[in-house]
Amino acid sequence: MKNKVKARVMDNGKIRRTLVRIATEIAERNRDLKNLVLVGIKTRGIYLVRRIADILKQNEGVEIPVITLDITPYRDDLKTRDKKKVIDKNEIKARLDDRDVLLIDDVLFTGRTIRAAMEAIFDLGRPKTIQLAVLIDRGHRELPIRPGYIGRLLPTSRRERVEVRLKEIDGVDEVLITEPQVKLNNK
């Protein structure tokens, strides 16, 4: 059953402007962009990180290394406790030791995805710093995680969902607030 759309809070133009603003803030706060590594968290963070890297290249003239990260083996909600944590270090093109790492994801909710991403990062190296950028911060944190770069603060209820749709995989750029539809019993 599909979720009921309550509100469309961002469209293509708003997402684009938000990413330009985030990229500008990243450039302002990171004086040595050549020491920066951008890490996109699978799935939608991968596309956001590529867009931000492109904006930084256009605006600052610096090509910043981009890494994509699948945090599935590091999730704390998997049923199998003995699941081996494996990341192919050969896939990582940029060294992380003593680098400024910027994690990028679409929605920040409880903080557990970011905790898993940081654990994965530490398995790959010892960064100088780790920063966090998110398109949407919806609150409801369960862990003490706070982003340095926020596209939009979007307070929601726990029942609501925030759906980020990106043209690379969804065919459209938009952010929606949805809610599960109530199924009525017909007797």
Protein backbone atom coordinates (compact mmCIF):
# COMPACT_ATOMS: atom_id res chain seq x y z
CA MET A 1 0.00 0.00 0.00
CA LYS A 2 1.35 3.44 -0.96
CA ASN A 3 1.80 6.22 1.53
CA LYS A 4 -0.55 9.19 1.39
CA VAL A 5 1.22 12.40 0.31
CA LYS A 6 0.61 15.12 2.90
CA ALA A 7 2.89 17.81 1.47
CA ARG A 8 5.45 18.45 -1.23
CA VAL A 9 8.07 20.53 0.57
CA MET A 10 10.81 20.76 -2.06
CA ASP A 11 10.87 20.65 -5.84
CA ASN A 12 13.72 20.52 -8.35
CA GLY A 13 14.54 24.23 -8.00
CA LYS A 14 14.54 24.20 -4.20
CA ILE A 15 16.73 21.11 -4.07
CA ARG A 16 19.20 22.64 -6.54
CA ARG A 17 19.38 25.94 -4.62
CA THR A 18 19.76 24.08 -1.33
CA LEU A 19 22.68 22.02 -2.65
CA VAL A 20 24.37 25.18 -3.97
CA ARG A 21 24.00 26.75 -0.51
CA ILE A 22 25.39 23.64 1.21
CA ALA A 23 28.35 23.55 -1.21
CA THR A 24 29.03 27.24 -0.52
CA GLU A 25 29.00 26.60 3.23
CA ILE A 26 31.35 23.63 2.77
CA ALA A 27 33.81 25.82 0.84
CA GLU A 28 33.61 28.57 3.46
CA ARG A 29 34.24 26.24 6.43
CA ASN A 30 36.91 24.06 4.81
CA ARG A 31 39.81 26.31 3.88
CA ASP A 32 41.84 23.40 2.55
CA LEU A 33 39.44 21.80 0.08
CA LYS A 34 42.29 19.63 -1.21
CA ASN A 35 42.24 17.77 2.12
CA LEU A 36 38.51 17.08 1.87
CA VAL A 37 36.95 13.74 0.89
CA LEU A 38 33.20 13.57 0.19
CA VAL A 39 31.43 10.36 1.21
CA GLY A 40 27.91 9.65 -0.04
CA ILE A 41 25.84 7.17 1.93
CA LYS A 42 23.98 4.67 -0.23
CA THR A 43 21.41 5.12 -1.73
CA ARG A 44 20.38 8.73 -2.27
CA GLY A 45 23.45 10.18 -0.58
CA ILE A 46 25.44 8.86 -3.54
CA TYR A 47 23.62 11.17 -5.95
CA LEU A 48 23.66 14.14 -3.58
CA VAL A 49 27.43 13.79 -3.05
CA ARG A 50 28.04 13.78 -6.79
CA ARG A 51 25.95 16.92 -7.25
CA ILE A 52 27.76 18.72 -4.41
CA ALA A 53 31.16 17.66 -5.81
CA ASP A 54 30.15 19.07 -9.21
CA ILE A 55 29.05 22.37 -7.65
CA LEU A 56 32.33 22.65 -5.69
CA LYS A 57 34.32 21.94 -8.85
CA GLN A 58 32.42 24.62 -10.80
CA ASN A 59 32.54 27.24 -8.03
CA GLU A 60 35.94 26.55 -6.47
CA GLY A 61 37.88 24.90 -9.30
CA VAL A 62 38.84 21.94 -7.10
CA GLU A 63 38.01 18.33 -7.88
CA ILE A 64 37.27 16.70 -4.55
CA PRO A 65 37.48 12.90 -4.23
CA VAL A 66 34.10 11.19 -3.87
CA ILE A 67 33.52 7.85 -2.16
CA THR A 68 30.25 5.94 -2.03
CA LEU A 69 29.55 3.99 1.12
CA ASP A 70 27.16 1.09 1.71
CA ILE A 71 26.62 0.92 5.47
CA THR A 72 24.42 -2.20 5.40
CA PRO A 73 26.98 -4.44 7.18
CA TYR A 74 27.25 -1.85 9.98
CA ARG A 75 23.53 -1.42 10.72
CA ASP A 76 22.50 -2.23 14.28
CA ASP A 77 19.01 -3.36 13.32
CA LEU A 78 20.05 -6.43 11.35
CA LYS A 79 18.76 -9.69 12.82
CA THR A 80 22.00 -11.58 12.19
CA ARG A 81 24.49 -10.53 14.84
CA ASP A 82 27.42 -12.44 13.37
CA LYS A 83 27.16 -10.71 9.99
CA LYS A 84 30.72 -9.97 8.91
CA LYS A 85 31.57 -6.33 8.37
CA VAL A 86 33.20 -6.22 4.98
CA ILE A 87 34.10 -3.24 2.85
CA ASP A 88 36.29 -3.70 -0.17
CA LYS A 89 39.09 -1.28 0.65
CA ASN A 90 40.30 -1.56 -2.93
CA GLU A 91 37.12 0.27 -4.01
CA ILE A 92 38.13 3.28 -1.93
CA LYS A 93 40.17 5.49 -4.25
CA ALA A 94 40.99 8.25 -1.76
CA ARG A 95 42.93 7.62 1.42
CA LEU A 96 41.08 8.73 4.54
CA ASP A 97 43.97 8.97 7.00
CA ASP A 98 44.41 12.58 8.20
CA ARG A 99 41.77 13.81 5.73
CA ASP A 100 38.67 15.87 6.43
CA VAL A 101 35.75 13.54 5.66
CA LEU A 102 32.32 14.93 4.86
CA LEU A 103 29.47 12.40 5.07
CA ILE A 104 26.46 13.27 2.91
CA ASP A 105 22.99 11.73 3.20
CA ASP A 106 19.46 12.62 2.20
CA VAL A 107 17.53 12.45 5.50
CA LEU A 108 18.75 12.51 9.08
CA PHE A 109 16.29 10.87 11.45
CA THR A 110 17.44 8.79 14.45
CA GLY A 111 21.18 9.09 13.74
CA ARG A 112 21.73 5.34 13.46
CA THR A 113 22.67 5.44 9.77
CA ILE A 114 25.33 8.07 10.52
CA ARG A 115 26.66 6.01 13.45
CA ALA A 116 27.00 3.04 11.08
CA ALA A 117 28.70 5.23 8.46
CA MET A 118 31.24 6.51 10.99
CA GLU A 119 32.02 2.95 12.06
CA ALA A 120 32.61 2.03 8.40
CA ILE A 121 34.83 5.10 7.93
CA PHE A 122 36.99 4.11 10.90
CA ASP A 123 37.42 0.64 9.40
CA LEU A 124 38.83 2.37 6.30
CA GLY A 125 41.18 4.81 7.99
CA ARG A 126 41.62 7.47 10.65
CA PRO A 127 40.31 10.79 9.36
CA LYS A 128 41.40 14.12 10.76
CA THR A 129 37.74 15.20 11.09
CA ILE A 130 34.30 13.89 10.17
CA GLN A 131 31.58 16.35 9.19
CA LEU A 132 27.97 15.70 8.23
CA ALA A 133 25.73 17.27 5.59
CA VAL A 134 22.09 16.30 5.08
CA LEU A 135 19.43 17.53 2.70
CA ILE A 136 16.70 17.09 5.35
CA ASP A 137 16.96 16.99 9.14
CA ARG A 138 13.64 15.72 10.48
CA GLY A 139 14.56 15.41 14.16
CA HIS A 140 13.75 12.45 16.46
CA ARG A 141 17.39 11.69 17.24
CA GLU A 142 18.19 8.56 19.26
CA LEU A 143 21.93 9.22 19.22
CA PRO A 144 23.92 12.43 19.82
CA ILE A 145 24.46 13.12 16.10
CA ARG A 146 24.22 16.67 14.75
CA PRO A 147 24.86 17.79 11.18
CA GLY A 148 27.11 20.73 10.39
CA TYR A 149 25.26 21.39 7.14
CA ILE A 150 21.48 21.19 6.91
CA GLY A 151 19.54 21.77 3.73
CA ARG A 152 16.23 22.06 5.50
CA LEU A 153 15.04 21.43 9.04
CA LEU A 154 11.71 19.67 8.68
CA PRO A 155 9.98 18.81 11.97
CA THR A 156 7.77 15.75 11.53
CA SER A 157 5.81 13.34 13.66
CA ARG A 158 7.15 9.83 14.07
CA ARG A 159 4.20 8.54 12.04
CA GLU A 160 5.12 10.69 9.06
CA ARG A 161 7.78 9.76 6.54
CA VAL A 162 10.08 12.02 4.56
CA GLU A 163 10.59 10.75 1.03
CA VAL A 164 13.43 12.22 -1.01
CA ARG A 165 13.08 11.47 -4.69
CA LEU A 166 15.98 12.17 -7.02
CA LYS A 167 15.85 12.20 -10.80
CA GLU A 168 18.77 9.76 -11.13
CA ILE A 169 16.72 6.91 -9.64
CA ASP A 170 13.16 8.21 -9.21
CA GLY A 171 12.82 10.31 -12.35
CA VAL A 172 11.98 13.49 -10.40
CA ASP A 173 13.59 15.78 -7.81
CA GLU A 174 11.26 16.37 -4.87
CA VAL A 175 10.87 15.96 -1.13
CA LEU A 176 7.54 14.75 0.19
CA ILE A 177 6.02 14.29 3.62
CA THR A 178 3.90 11.16 3.53
CA GLU A 179 1.87 9.14 5.98
CA PRO A 180 0.80 5.50 5.84
CA GLN A 181 -2.76 5.11 4.65
CA VAL A 182 -5.15 3.57 7.12
CA LYS A 183 -6.68 0.40 5.77
CA LEU A 184 -10.34 0.14 6.67
CA ASN A 185 -11.90 -3.21 7.39
CA ASN A 186 -14.87 -3.84 5.10
CA LYS A 187 -17.15 -6.34 6.76
